[in-house]
N, C-alpha and C. Protein backbone atom coordinates (compact mmCIF):
# COMPACT_ATOMS: atom_id res chain seq x y z
N MET A 1 -11.07 30.60 -59.91
CA MET A 1 -11.62 31.84 -59.93
C MET A 1 -9.87 32.37 -60.45
N ASN A 2 -9.65 32.97 -61.45
CA ASN A 2 -8.59 33.10 -62.26
C ASN A 2 -8.41 34.83 -61.70
N GLY A 3 -7.11 35.06 -61.32
CA GLY A 3 -7.16 36.43 -60.71
C GLY A 3 -7.32 37.29 -59.66
N VAL A 4 -8.05 36.04 -59.01
CA VAL A 4 -8.20 36.51 -57.43
C VAL A 4 -6.91 35.75 -56.35
N PRO A 5 -6.39 36.71 -55.80
CA PRO A 5 -5.12 36.28 -55.10
C PRO A 5 -5.83 35.61 -53.87
N ASN A 6 -4.69 34.69 -53.28
CA ASN A 6 -5.35 34.21 -51.87
C ASN A 6 -4.86 34.87 -50.95
N ILE A 7 -5.77 35.41 -50.30
CA ILE A 7 -5.99 36.27 -48.82
C ILE A 7 -5.98 35.52 -47.40
N SER A 8 -5.25 35.89 -46.84
CA SER A 8 -5.07 35.17 -45.25
C SER A 8 -6.25 35.91 -44.64
N GLU A 9 -6.54 35.27 -43.40
CA GLU A 9 -7.75 35.98 -42.51
C GLU A 9 -7.14 37.02 -42.35
N ALA A 10 -5.92 37.53 -41.88
CA ALA A 10 -5.54 38.99 -41.55
C ALA A 10 -5.80 39.94 -42.27
N GLU A 11 -5.27 39.54 -43.44
CA GLU A 11 -5.58 40.11 -44.64
C GLU A 11 -6.76 40.54 -44.97
N TRP A 12 -7.94 39.49 -44.83
CA TRP A 12 -9.45 39.93 -44.86
C TRP A 12 -9.97 40.96 -44.34
N GLU A 13 -9.41 41.42 -43.13
CA GLU A 13 -9.72 42.40 -41.97
C GLU A 13 -9.69 43.54 -42.92
N ILE A 14 -8.40 43.83 -43.84
CA ILE A 14 -8.03 45.30 -44.26
C ILE A 14 -9.05 45.30 -45.69
N MET A 15 -9.01 44.12 -46.24
CA MET A 15 -9.92 44.35 -47.55
C MET A 15 -11.43 44.74 -47.03
N LYS A 16 -11.97 43.85 -46.05
CA LYS A 16 -13.28 44.58 -45.66
C LYS A 16 -13.64 46.16 -45.32
N VAL A 17 -12.48 46.51 -44.84
CA VAL A 17 -12.26 48.06 -44.47
C VAL A 17 -12.40 48.71 -46.22
N LEU A 18 -11.60 48.31 -46.75
CA LEU A 18 -11.53 49.13 -48.10
C LEU A 18 -12.80 48.72 -49.06
N TRP A 19 -13.19 47.28 -49.10
CA TRP A 19 -14.51 47.33 -49.62
C TRP A 19 -15.55 47.72 -49.12
N ALA A 20 -15.49 48.62 -47.72
CA ALA A 20 -16.75 49.52 -47.40
C ALA A 20 -16.33 50.71 -47.71
N LYS A 21 -15.31 51.17 -47.98
CA LYS A 21 -15.00 52.66 -48.24
C LYS A 21 -13.53 52.92 -48.75
N SER A 22 -13.31 53.62 -49.87
CA SER A 22 -11.85 53.75 -50.21
C SER A 22 -12.16 54.50 -51.21
N PRO A 23 -10.87 55.70 -51.78
CA PRO A 23 -9.61 55.18 -51.08
C PRO A 23 -9.19 55.61 -49.56
N LEU A 24 -8.44 54.91 -48.95
CA LEU A 24 -8.10 55.25 -47.73
C LEU A 24 -6.58 55.17 -47.32
N ARG A 25 -6.28 56.37 -46.71
CA ARG A 25 -4.41 56.47 -46.20
C ARG A 25 -4.49 54.88 -45.20
N SER A 26 -3.15 54.70 -44.86
CA SER A 26 -2.69 53.33 -43.92
C SER A 26 -3.54 53.90 -42.62
N GLN A 27 -3.43 55.19 -42.03
CA GLN A 27 -3.98 55.75 -40.71
C GLN A 27 -5.31 55.35 -40.67
N GLU A 28 -6.15 55.81 -41.86
CA GLU A 28 -7.63 55.49 -41.90
C GLU A 28 -8.08 54.16 -41.85
N ILE A 29 -7.19 53.29 -42.59
CA ILE A 29 -7.38 51.86 -42.50
C ILE A 29 -7.28 51.02 -41.27
N VAL A 30 -6.59 51.45 -40.08
CA VAL A 30 -6.16 51.20 -38.93
C VAL A 30 -7.11 51.80 -38.04
N ALA A 31 -7.66 52.95 -38.15
CA ALA A 31 -9.16 53.67 -37.52
C ALA A 31 -9.93 52.92 -37.64
N ALA A 32 -10.41 52.26 -39.16
CA ALA A 32 -11.72 51.57 -39.52
C ALA A 32 -11.55 50.22 -38.90
N LEU A 33 -10.42 49.64 -38.54
CA LEU A 33 -10.11 48.15 -37.96
C LEU A 33 -11.67 47.80 -37.09
N PRO A 34 -12.22 46.91 -36.44
CA PRO A 34 -12.97 46.44 -35.53
C PRO A 34 -12.02 46.53 -34.28
N GLU A 35 -13.05 47.01 -33.04
CA GLU A 35 -12.01 47.34 -31.95
C GLU A 35 -11.35 46.45 -31.56
N ASP A 36 -11.56 45.65 -31.82
CA ASP A 36 -10.96 44.03 -31.08
C ASP A 36 -9.84 43.60 -32.08
N ILE A 37 -9.40 44.08 -33.03
CA ILE A 37 -8.11 44.10 -33.47
C ILE A 37 -6.95 45.47 -33.05
N THR A 38 -6.32 44.67 -32.18
CA THR A 38 -5.55 45.74 -31.81
C THR A 38 -3.96 45.58 -32.47
N TRP A 39 -4.05 45.64 -33.83
CA TRP A 39 -2.46 45.81 -34.02
C TRP A 39 -1.38 47.17 -34.27
N LYS A 40 -0.30 46.84 -34.38
CA LYS A 40 0.45 48.13 -34.10
C LYS A 40 0.39 48.71 -35.65
N PRO A 41 0.30 50.24 -36.14
CA PRO A 41 0.44 50.29 -37.25
C PRO A 41 1.30 49.68 -38.30
N LYS A 42 2.42 49.26 -37.85
CA LYS A 42 3.34 48.76 -38.32
C LYS A 42 3.19 47.42 -38.95
N THR A 43 2.24 46.55 -38.45
CA THR A 43 1.66 45.11 -38.60
C THR A 43 0.48 45.38 -39.98
N THR A 44 -0.15 46.64 -39.53
CA THR A 44 -0.82 46.82 -40.50
C THR A 44 -0.50 47.24 -41.64
N GLN A 45 0.32 48.20 -41.86
CA GLN A 45 1.18 48.38 -43.22
C GLN A 45 2.23 46.93 -43.88
N THR A 46 2.22 46.36 -42.61
CA THR A 46 2.79 45.04 -43.41
C THR A 46 1.54 44.08 -44.17
N LEU A 47 0.49 43.94 -43.43
CA LEU A 47 -0.84 43.55 -44.29
C LEU A 47 -0.80 44.47 -45.42
N ILE A 48 -0.87 45.78 -45.54
CA ILE A 48 -1.49 46.40 -46.67
C ILE A 48 -0.24 45.94 -47.80
N ASN A 49 0.90 46.05 -47.37
CA ASN A 49 2.10 45.55 -48.34
C ASN A 49 1.95 44.55 -49.12
N ARG A 50 1.78 43.33 -48.16
CA ARG A 50 1.50 42.19 -48.85
C ARG A 50 0.11 42.14 -49.68
N LEU A 51 -0.83 42.53 -49.69
CA LEU A 51 -1.79 42.93 -50.29
C LEU A 51 -1.77 43.50 -51.35
N THR A 52 -1.21 44.69 -51.59
CA THR A 52 -0.52 45.30 -52.54
C THR A 52 0.58 44.63 -53.49
N ASP A 53 1.34 43.95 -52.84
CA ASP A 53 2.33 42.70 -53.49
C ASP A 53 1.52 41.84 -54.44
N LYS A 54 0.26 41.29 -53.81
CA LYS A 54 -0.54 40.03 -54.50
C LYS A 54 -1.53 40.61 -55.62
N GLY A 55 -1.65 41.75 -55.46
CA GLY A 55 -2.23 42.70 -56.57
C GLY A 55 -3.92 42.83 -56.18
N ALA A 56 -3.91 42.60 -54.63
CA ALA A 56 -5.03 42.64 -54.37
C ALA A 56 -5.64 43.94 -54.03
N ILE A 57 -4.96 45.02 -53.68
CA ILE A 57 -5.21 46.21 -53.57
C ILE A 57 -4.06 47.12 -54.14
N GLY A 58 -4.62 48.37 -54.80
CA GLY A 58 -3.61 49.51 -55.15
C GLY A 58 -3.71 50.49 -54.40
N TYR A 59 -2.67 51.27 -55.01
CA TYR A 59 -2.89 52.91 -53.94
C TYR A 59 -2.43 54.27 -55.47
N GLU A 60 -2.99 55.15 -54.83
CA GLU A 60 -2.78 56.23 -55.54
C GLU A 60 -1.61 57.27 -54.86
N ARG A 61 -0.97 58.07 -54.79
CA ARG A 61 0.02 58.30 -54.15
C ARG A 61 -0.35 59.88 -54.34
N HIS A 62 -0.77 60.83 -53.17
CA HIS A 62 -0.76 62.45 -53.40
C HIS A 62 0.35 62.90 -52.17
N GLY A 63 0.91 63.78 -53.01
CA GLY A 63 2.14 64.37 -51.72
C GLY A 63 2.96 62.85 -51.06
N LYS A 64 2.87 63.20 -50.07
CA LYS A 64 3.44 62.14 -49.10
C LYS A 64 2.27 61.02 -48.74
N ASN A 65 1.37 61.28 -48.85
CA ASN A 65 0.02 60.30 -48.68
C ASN A 65 0.01 59.06 -49.88
N HIS A 66 -0.16 57.86 -49.24
CA HIS A 66 -1.03 56.79 -49.87
C HIS A 66 -2.26 56.38 -49.90
N TYR A 67 -2.79 56.56 -50.92
CA TYR A 67 -4.58 56.11 -50.86
C TYR A 67 -4.69 54.82 -51.39
N TYR A 68 -5.33 53.92 -50.72
CA TYR A 68 -5.29 52.59 -50.88
C TYR A 68 -6.70 52.65 -51.34
N TYR A 69 -7.03 51.29 -52.39
CA TYR A 69 -8.00 50.83 -52.91
C TYR A 69 -8.06 49.58 -53.26
N PRO A 70 -9.31 48.98 -53.21
CA PRO A 70 -9.28 47.44 -53.46
C PRO A 70 -9.16 47.00 -55.29
N LYS A 71 -8.53 46.28 -55.92
CA LYS A 71 -8.33 45.92 -56.91
C LYS A 71 -8.91 44.79 -57.25
N VAL A 72 -9.51 43.70 -56.27
CA VAL A 72 -10.76 42.84 -56.32
C VAL A 72 -11.67 43.02 -56.03
N ARG A 73 -12.79 42.42 -56.63
CA ARG A 73 -14.22 42.66 -56.09
C ARG A 73 -14.24 41.53 -54.41
N GLN A 74 -15.17 41.87 -53.94
CA GLN A 74 -15.21 41.06 -52.60
C GLN A 74 -16.33 40.22 -53.10
N ARG A 75 -16.94 40.19 -53.96
CA ARG A 75 -17.76 38.71 -54.20
C ARG A 75 -17.06 37.82 -55.03
N ASP A 76 -15.92 38.33 -55.81
CA ASP A 76 -15.28 37.32 -56.60
C ASP A 76 -14.21 36.92 -55.49
N CYS A 77 -13.57 37.60 -54.53
CA CYS A 77 -12.94 36.61 -53.36
C CYS A 77 -13.88 35.85 -52.39
N ILE A 78 -14.98 36.34 -52.16
CA ILE A 78 -15.72 35.33 -51.63
C ILE A 78 -15.94 33.99 -52.31
N ALA A 79 -16.16 33.82 -53.66
CA ALA A 79 -16.49 33.08 -54.20
C ALA A 79 -15.16 32.41 -54.53
N ALA A 80 -14.44 32.89 -54.57
CA ALA A 80 -12.81 32.07 -54.41
C ALA A 80 -12.65 31.24 -53.47
N GLU A 81 -12.69 31.90 -51.85
CA GLU A 81 -12.68 31.35 -50.85
C GLU A 81 -13.53 30.29 -50.79
N SER A 82 -14.97 30.37 -50.80
CA SER A 82 -15.75 29.22 -50.95
C SER A 82 -15.69 27.85 -51.44
N LEU A 83 -14.86 28.16 -52.78
CA LEU A 83 -14.78 27.02 -53.35
C LEU A 83 -13.35 26.49 -52.79
N GLU A 84 -12.61 27.04 -52.97
CA GLU A 84 -11.48 26.49 -52.10
C GLU A 84 -11.79 25.70 -50.58
N PHE A 85 -12.45 26.35 -49.89
CA PHE A 85 -12.97 25.77 -48.49
C PHE A 85 -13.77 24.24 -48.98
N LEU A 86 -14.56 24.42 -50.03
CA LEU A 86 -15.56 23.46 -50.97
C LEU A 86 -14.21 22.00 -51.19
N ASP A 87 -13.55 22.58 -51.83
CA ASP A 87 -12.90 21.74 -52.32
C ASP A 87 -11.84 21.03 -51.04
N ARG A 88 -11.22 21.69 -50.23
CA ARG A 88 -10.83 21.25 -49.09
C ARG A 88 -11.21 20.80 -47.86
N ILE A 89 -12.43 21.28 -48.06
CA ILE A 89 -13.08 20.20 -46.57
C ILE A 89 -14.40 19.41 -47.12
N CYS A 90 -14.75 19.31 -48.26
CA CYS A 90 -15.80 18.11 -48.67
C CYS A 90 -15.58 18.02 -50.10
N ASP A 91 -13.87 17.40 -50.17
CA ASP A 91 -13.91 17.53 -51.71
C ASP A 91 -14.47 17.84 -53.01
N GLY A 92 -14.69 19.18 -52.48
CA GLY A 92 -15.78 19.77 -53.77
C GLY A 92 -17.06 19.40 -53.90
N SER A 93 -17.80 18.35 -52.98
CA SER A 93 -19.39 18.25 -52.88
C SER A 93 -19.82 19.34 -52.24
N LEU A 94 -20.59 19.62 -53.11
CA LEU A 94 -21.54 20.90 -52.19
C LEU A 94 -22.60 20.24 -51.29
N THR A 95 -23.21 19.10 -51.62
CA THR A 95 -24.24 18.69 -50.64
C THR A 95 -23.68 18.47 -49.15
N PRO A 96 -22.64 17.81 -48.59
CA PRO A 96 -22.29 17.73 -47.81
C PRO A 96 -22.26 19.21 -46.64
N MET A 97 -21.71 19.98 -47.32
CA MET A 97 -21.52 21.47 -46.91
C MET A 97 -23.14 21.82 -46.59
N VAL A 98 -23.33 21.87 -47.46
CA VAL A 98 -24.87 22.41 -47.51
C VAL A 98 -26.08 21.74 -46.31
N ALA A 99 -25.61 20.55 -46.09
CA ALA A 99 -26.27 19.66 -45.47
C ALA A 99 -26.12 20.16 -43.96
N SER A 100 -25.11 20.03 -43.63
CA SER A 100 -24.49 20.37 -42.52
C SER A 100 -24.61 22.03 -41.97
N LEU A 101 -24.60 22.76 -42.98
CA LEU A 101 -25.27 24.22 -42.68
C LEU A 101 -26.38 24.06 -42.17
N ILE A 102 -27.23 23.32 -42.95
CA ILE A 102 -28.68 23.54 -42.71
C ILE A 102 -29.14 22.80 -41.43
N LYS A 103 -28.29 22.07 -40.78
CA LYS A 103 -28.65 20.86 -39.50
C LYS A 103 -28.39 22.05 -38.67
N LYS A 104 -27.06 22.70 -38.48
CA LYS A 104 -26.44 23.39 -37.75
C LYS A 104 -27.07 24.88 -37.46
N LYS A 105 -27.34 25.49 -38.26
CA LYS A 105 -27.57 26.99 -37.95
C LYS A 105 -29.25 26.86 -38.71
N LYS A 106 -29.83 28.07 -37.37
CA LYS A 106 -31.19 28.44 -38.07
C LYS A 106 -31.39 29.43 -39.01
N ILE A 107 -32.11 28.83 -40.20
CA ILE A 107 -32.40 29.77 -40.84
C ILE A 107 -33.66 30.16 -41.47
N SER A 108 -33.93 31.19 -41.65
CA SER A 108 -35.11 32.24 -41.92
C SER A 108 -36.09 31.94 -42.87
N GLU A 109 -37.05 32.13 -42.86
CA GLU A 109 -37.91 31.65 -44.13
C GLU A 109 -37.57 32.39 -45.47
N GLU A 110 -37.01 33.76 -44.95
CA GLU A 110 -36.64 34.60 -46.29
C GLU A 110 -35.36 33.83 -46.60
N GLU A 111 -34.46 33.46 -46.11
CA GLU A 111 -33.64 32.68 -46.38
C GLU A 111 -33.48 31.37 -47.13
N ILE A 112 -34.73 30.56 -46.73
CA ILE A 112 -34.91 29.55 -47.50
C ILE A 112 -35.53 29.80 -48.67
N GLU A 113 -36.67 30.71 -48.84
CA GLU A 113 -36.93 31.44 -50.21
C GLU A 113 -35.92 31.87 -51.40
N GLU A 114 -35.39 32.48 -50.34
CA GLU A 114 -33.91 33.05 -51.51
C GLU A 114 -32.89 31.73 -51.96
N LEU A 115 -32.68 30.97 -51.36
CA LEU A 115 -32.02 29.46 -51.72
C LEU A 115 -33.41 28.59 -52.87
N ARG A 116 -34.08 28.77 -52.54
CA ARG A 116 -35.14 28.02 -53.26
C ARG A 116 -35.37 28.60 -54.81
N LYS A 117 -35.29 30.06 -54.80
CA LYS A 117 -35.18 30.47 -56.09
C LYS A 117 -33.91 30.34 -56.65
N LEU A 118 -32.83 30.40 -55.86
CA LEU A 118 -31.25 30.09 -56.68
C LEU A 118 -31.34 29.09 -56.95
N LEU A 119 -31.59 27.89 -56.66
CA LEU A 119 -32.03 26.56 -57.30
C LEU A 119 -32.27 26.24 -58.15
N GLU A 120 -33.66 27.22 -58.04
CA GLU A 120 -34.66 26.95 -59.49
C GLU A 120 -33.66 27.85 -60.49
N LYS A 121 -33.32 28.64 -60.70
CA LYS A 121 -32.67 29.30 -61.25
C LYS A 121 -31.43 28.71 -62.06
N LYS A 122 -30.79 27.70 -61.38
CA LYS A 122 -29.43 27.12 -61.45
C LYS A 122 -29.89 26.26 -62.36
N GLY A 123 -31.06 25.61 -61.75
CA GLY A 123 -31.35 24.17 -62.59
C GLY A 123 -32.11 24.28 -63.97
């Protein structure tokens, strides 16, 4: 996935907020984070700066405020992360990963049908 930056686990939290709603000021990002994330505003700003440096987010300046927005699509980041995981854990082979997930996680009939359609479309 060319053009998709490597995003850390903490940075994903910022990205999820911005994908859900943007543009936002840093204070609004802090307020929108899940309750179990208790970062100090400086920590959040550091993560925002890293994401800006990586090209994952951009900003528009209005007066003294910076309004942040994602520059990469969520689906592209998910695809890149999935492929990296697949390469790292399963040597690039999809079958062991899918088999493991199917054995360990309950899958609804709707999900099975969706997977069936995806596989038929791919084949």
